[in-house]
Protein backbone atom coordinates (compact mmCIF):
# COMPACT_ATOMS: atom_id res chain seq x y z
CA MET A 1 -0.12 -0.11 -0.22
CA SER A 2 0.76 3.48 -0.31
CA PRO A 3 1.27 6.28 2.22
CA LEU A 4 -2.21 8.07 2.22
CA PRO A 5 -2.88 11.30 1.78
CA LEU A 6 -3.60 13.23 4.93
CA PRO A 7 -7.73 13.95 4.72
CA ARG A 8 -7.76 10.55 3.89
CA ALA A 9 -5.53 9.39 6.60
CA LYS A 10 -7.87 10.84 9.49
CA TYR A 11 -10.77 10.17 7.58
CA ALA A 12 -9.45 6.27 7.36
CA VAL A 13 -8.56 6.07 11.04
CA ASN A 14 -11.15 7.95 12.41
CA ALA A 15 -13.43 5.17 10.68
CA ILE A 16 -11.26 2.34 12.78
CA LYS A 17 -11.39 4.08 15.81
CA LYS A 18 -15.10 4.02 15.86
CA LYS A 19 -15.11 0.45 15.06
CA VAL A 20 -12.86 -0.21 17.63
CA ASN A 21 -15.01 1.35 20.26
CA ASP A 22 -17.92 -0.61 19.31
CA LYS A 23 -20.11 -2.06 21.91
CA ASN A 24 -19.38 -5.35 19.81
CA PRO A 25 -15.67 -7.04 21.12
CA HIS A 26 -15.97 -8.85 17.88
CA VAL A 27 -16.19 -5.84 15.98
CA ALA A 28 -13.77 -4.36 17.90
CA LEU A 29 -11.10 -7.03 17.53
CA TYR A 30 -11.24 -6.54 13.60
CA ALA A 31 -10.99 -3.26 13.55
CA LEU A 32 -7.80 -3.37 15.71
CA GLU A 33 -6.37 -5.89 13.29
CA VAL A 34 -7.13 -3.36 10.32
CA MET A 35 -5.36 -0.55 12.44
CA GLU A 36 -2.46 -2.68 12.68
CA SER A 37 -2.55 -3.38 9.59
CA VAL A 38 -3.02 0.12 8.07
CA VAL A 39 -0.15 1.62 10.41
CA LYS A 40 2.52 -1.08 9.15
CA ASN A 41 1.64 -0.33 5.78
CA CYS A 42 0.21 3.55 4.85
CA GLY A 43 3.13 5.69 6.28
CA GLN A 44 3.97 8.77 7.75
CA THR A 45 0.14 10.31 7.52
CA VAL A 46 -1.22 7.02 9.21
CA HIS A 47 1.49 7.25 12.06
CA ASP A 48 0.87 10.98 12.90
CA GLU A 49 -2.93 9.86 13.21
CA VAL A 50 -2.22 6.95 15.10
CA ALA A 51 0.39 7.79 17.56
CA ASN A 52 -0.50 10.53 19.51
CA LYS A 53 -2.05 11.46 22.80
CA GLN A 54 -5.47 11.42 21.82
CA THR A 55 -5.39 7.79 20.69
CA MET A 56 -3.38 6.75 23.41
CA GLU A 57 -5.50 7.96 25.93
CA GLU A 58 -8.92 5.92 23.47
CA LEU A 59 -7.25 3.15 24.14
CA LYS A 60 -6.59 3.34 27.32
CA GLU A 61 -9.90 3.84 28.39
CA ILE A 62 -11.22 1.04 26.00
CA LEU A 63 -9.56 -1.16 28.53
CA LYS A 64 -10.55 0.47 31.59
CA LYS A 65 -14.64 -0.47 29.88
CA SER A 66 -13.96 -3.55 29.56
CA SER A 67 -15.18 -4.74 32.84
CA SER A 68 -18.18 -2.81 32.52
CA ASN A 69 -19.04 -4.08 28.68
CA ARG A 70 -18.68 -7.94 30.55
CA LYS A 71 -21.34 -6.97 32.72
CA LYS A 72 -23.99 -6.03 30.02
CA CYS A 73 -23.87 -9.59 28.48
CA MET A 74 -26.80 -11.04 30.37
CA CYS A 75 -27.16 -14.67 28.78
CA PRO A 76 -24.88 -17.01 31.10
CA LEU A 77 -24.51 -19.39 27.85
CA LEU A 78 -22.77 -16.43 25.75
CA TYR A 79 -20.72 -15.37 28.60
CA PRO A 80 -17.74 -17.31 28.69
CA LEU A 81 -17.61 -16.37 24.52
CA TRP A 82 -18.15 -12.73 25.61
CA ARG A 83 -15.43 -12.79 27.86
CA GLN A 84 -12.69 -14.48 25.99
CA VAL A 85 -13.28 -12.42 22.97
CA GLU A 86 -13.19 -9.38 25.32
CA THR A 87 -9.62 -11.01 26.88
CA SER A 88 -8.80 -11.12 23.27
CA VAL A 89 -9.49 -7.25 22.35
CA ARG A 90 -7.58 -6.29 25.38
CA SER A 91 -4.70 -8.51 24.84
CA LYS A 92 -4.43 -6.88 21.19
CA ILE A 93 -4.28 -3.21 22.16
CA LEU A 94 -1.85 -4.35 24.80
CA TYR A 95 0.14 -5.77 21.77
CA LEU A 96 -0.42 -2.69 19.57
CA ILE A 97 1.05 -0.09 22.57
CA GLN A 98 3.90 -2.28 22.86
CA ALA A 99 5.31 -3.12 19.30
CA TRP A 100 4.20 1.21 18.74
CA ALA A 101 6.18 2.11 21.51
CA HIS A 102 9.34 -0.16 19.98
CA ALA A 103 8.83 0.45 16.28
CA PHE A 104 9.08 4.68 17.14
CA ARG A 105 11.51 4.47 19.94
CA ASN A 106 13.81 6.62 18.16
CA GLU A 107 11.10 9.23 16.66
CA PRO A 108 11.14 12.17 19.10
CA LYS A 109 7.49 13.30 17.48
CA TYR A 110 5.87 9.82 18.51
CA LYS A 111 7.25 9.79 22.34
CA VAL A 112 3.75 9.76 23.49
CA VAL A 113 3.73 6.46 22.85
CA GLN A 114 6.48 5.17 24.68
CA ASP A 115 5.63 6.93 27.45
CA THR A 116 2.16 5.56 27.49
CA TYR A 117 3.82 1.91 27.12
CA GLN A 118 5.99 2.98 30.14
CA ILE A 119 3.46 4.27 32.44
CA MET A 120 0.98 1.45 31.35
CA LYS A 121 3.91 -0.96 32.39
CA VAL A 122 4.04 0.99 36.01
CA GLU A 123 0.66 0.51 36.32
CA GLY A 124 1.01 -3.03 36.42
CA HIS A 125 -0.65 -4.15 32.91
CA VAL A 126 0.91 -7.64 32.11
CA PHE A 127 2.02 -6.92 28.08
CA PRO A 128 2.05 -10.15 26.00
CA GLU A 129 5.62 -11.69 24.89
CA PHE A 130 7.45 -9.40 22.46
CA LYS A 131 9.22 -10.38 19.02
CA GLU A 132 11.26 -7.39 17.31
CA SER A 133 9.88 -8.56 13.83
CA ASP A 134 5.85 -7.55 15.35
CA ALA A 135 7.22 -3.60 15.41
CA MET A 136 8.57 -3.83 12.02
CA PHE A 137 6.69 -2.32 9.29
CA ALA A 138 6.35 -3.23 5.88
CA ALA A 139 8.77 -5.97 6.09
CA GLU A 140 11.30 -5.60 3.30
CA ARG A 141 11.98 -8.07 0.75
CA ALA A 142 15.48 -10.16 1.10
CA PRO A 143 18.16 -9.68 -1.78
CA ASP A 144 18.24 -12.30 -4.53
CA TRP A 145 21.34 -14.42 -4.30
CA VAL A 146 24.50 -13.45 -6.45
CA ASP A 147 26.46 -16.24 -7.99
CA ALA A 148 29.99 -16.24 -8.27
CA GLU A 149 33.22 -18.21 -8.40
CA GLU A 150 34.83 -16.85 -5.88
CA CYS A 151 34.02 -15.70 -1.80
CA HIS A 152 33.07 -11.93 -2.12
CA ARG A 153 35.35 -10.75 0.92
CA CYS A 154 38.24 -12.96 0.89
CA ARG A 155 38.55 -14.16 -2.87
CA VAL A 156 39.06 -17.75 -2.30
CA GLN A 157 37.92 -19.58 -5.53
CA PHE A 158 35.18 -21.67 -4.97
CA GLY A 159 35.68 -25.76 -5.81
CA VAL A 160 35.25 -29.09 -4.48
CA VAL A 161 37.29 -28.30 -1.03
CA THR A 162 35.80 -24.83 -0.79
CA ARG A 163 31.91 -24.55 -0.82
CA LYS A 164 29.45 -21.18 -1.53
CA HIS A 165 27.58 -19.88 0.96
CA HIS A 166 25.16 -17.22 0.70
CA CYS A 167 24.43 -14.69 3.37
CA ARG A 168 20.61 -14.32 3.93
CA ALA A 169 21.17 -10.58 4.65
CA CYS A 170 23.11 -8.85 1.82
CA GLY A 171 22.89 -11.95 -0.51
CA GLN A 172 26.38 -11.64 -1.31
CA ILE A 173 28.65 -15.02 -1.97
CA PHE A 174 31.16 -16.20 0.61
CA CYS A 175 33.43 -19.12 1.80
CA GLY A 176 32.26 -21.16 5.06
CA LYS A 177 34.88 -18.82 6.84
CA CYS A 178 33.71 -15.34 5.81
CA SER A 179 30.32 -16.66 6.30
CA SER A 180 30.18 -18.14 9.60
CA LYS A 181 27.94 -16.37 12.02
CA TYR A 182 24.10 -16.70 12.78
CA SER A 183 21.76 -14.27 13.29
CA THR A 184 17.73 -13.49 12.80
CA ILE A 185 16.80 -10.74 10.41
CA PRO A 186 13.93 -8.96 11.62
CA LYS A 187 13.83 -6.43 9.00
CA PHE A 188 13.04 -9.11 6.33
CA GLY A 189 10.40 -10.49 9.11
CA ILE A 190 13.35 -13.96 9.53
CA GLU A 191 12.88 -15.05 13.18
CA LYS A 192 14.67 -17.91 13.12
CA GLU A 193 18.63 -18.00 13.48
CA VAL A 194 20.26 -17.94 9.61
CA ARG A 195 23.67 -17.95 8.01
CA VAL A 196 25.16 -14.28 7.59
CA CYS A 197 28.22 -12.62 6.74
CA GLU A 198 29.89 -11.23 9.16
CA PRO A 199 29.61 -7.22 8.22
CA CYS A 200 25.97 -8.04 8.41
CA TYR A 201 26.43 -10.17 11.80
CA GLU A 202 28.03 -7.07 13.23
CA HIS A 203 25.42 -4.51 11.90
CA LEU A 204 22.23 -6.67 12.59
CA ASN A 205 23.41 -6.99 16.16
CA LYS A 206 24.73 -3.34 17.23
CA SER A 207 22.83 -1.45 20.17
CA VAL A 208 21.82 0.84 17.84
CA PRO A 209 18.84 -0.07 14.49
CA PHE A 210 21.00 -0.48 11.33
CA VAL A 211 20.17 1.70 8.37
CA VAL A 212 17.82 0.20 5.85
CA GLY A 213 19.98 -1.59 3.07
CA PHE A 214 22.65 -3.79 4.17
CA PHE A 215 26.16 -2.78 3.04
CA ALA A 216 28.23 -6.28 1.58
CA CYS A 217 31.28 -5.07 2.22
CA ASP A 218 34.80 -6.83 1.27
CA SER A 219 38.03 -6.95 3.94
CA ARG A 220 39.42 -3.81 2.01
CA ASP A 221 36.24 -1.52 3.58
CA ILE A 222 36.09 -3.47 6.83
CA GLU A 223 39.84 -2.35 7.50
CA GLY A 224 39.26 0.99 6.73
CA GLY A 225 39.76 1.48 2.77
CA SER A 226 37.96 3.07 0.16
CA ARG A 227 34.15 2.62 -0.14
CA GLU A 228 34.06 2.35 -4.01
CA ASP A 229 33.63 -1.63 -4.15
CA VAL A 230 31.07 -1.64 -1.43
CA GLU A 231 27.89 -3.00 -3.35
CA LEU A 232 24.04 -1.88 -2.31
CA ALA A 233 21.82 -5.40 -1.82
CA PRO A 234 18.87 -4.77 -3.61
């Protein structure tokens, strides 16, 4: 999906929020799923409409209302199902606030999301188990694998003894020694540890987020030489 123009983003988010506040928890749960999808895929204009104080307060208010809504379901046969869906709504709201707090942690204009998350933790809210890939917006496509007759880093020739291996982060081809590391790759939605080259491993496991796009560097780049040979993975 492409970023929505501002008027459309405002209209769309308001329409979704109206459904999130629906008394029927089934409707509210589906609306939260839609909200998660548009935040991940529709860009900054949607982020501006969701990652603000008003929306955070509205989501917190829904959590407070859930108990009183359960009492309105008077049918004893339907109550267990109603309560189960209400619990799913609560869990989804907590999940989204946590995921957005992580995704926007380096965006000062959306600091209110991080603040809301921290306050709710202090208040005793129990958030679900979190995976970094849950917070990724529009996960990028992994690069195509490159074919070559020598290691991209050490330039050793491939043969019967020296086998070819591909880095799942940059797509370049390496010998086993130059691609002996394993890591998850959240930006591609890869949660299982897979083979990566050493430069990509260092970037993936830095404490600060790596910028979009991985640089497949040869040994001269790592040693401080010229960056002319650096190739940007597709």
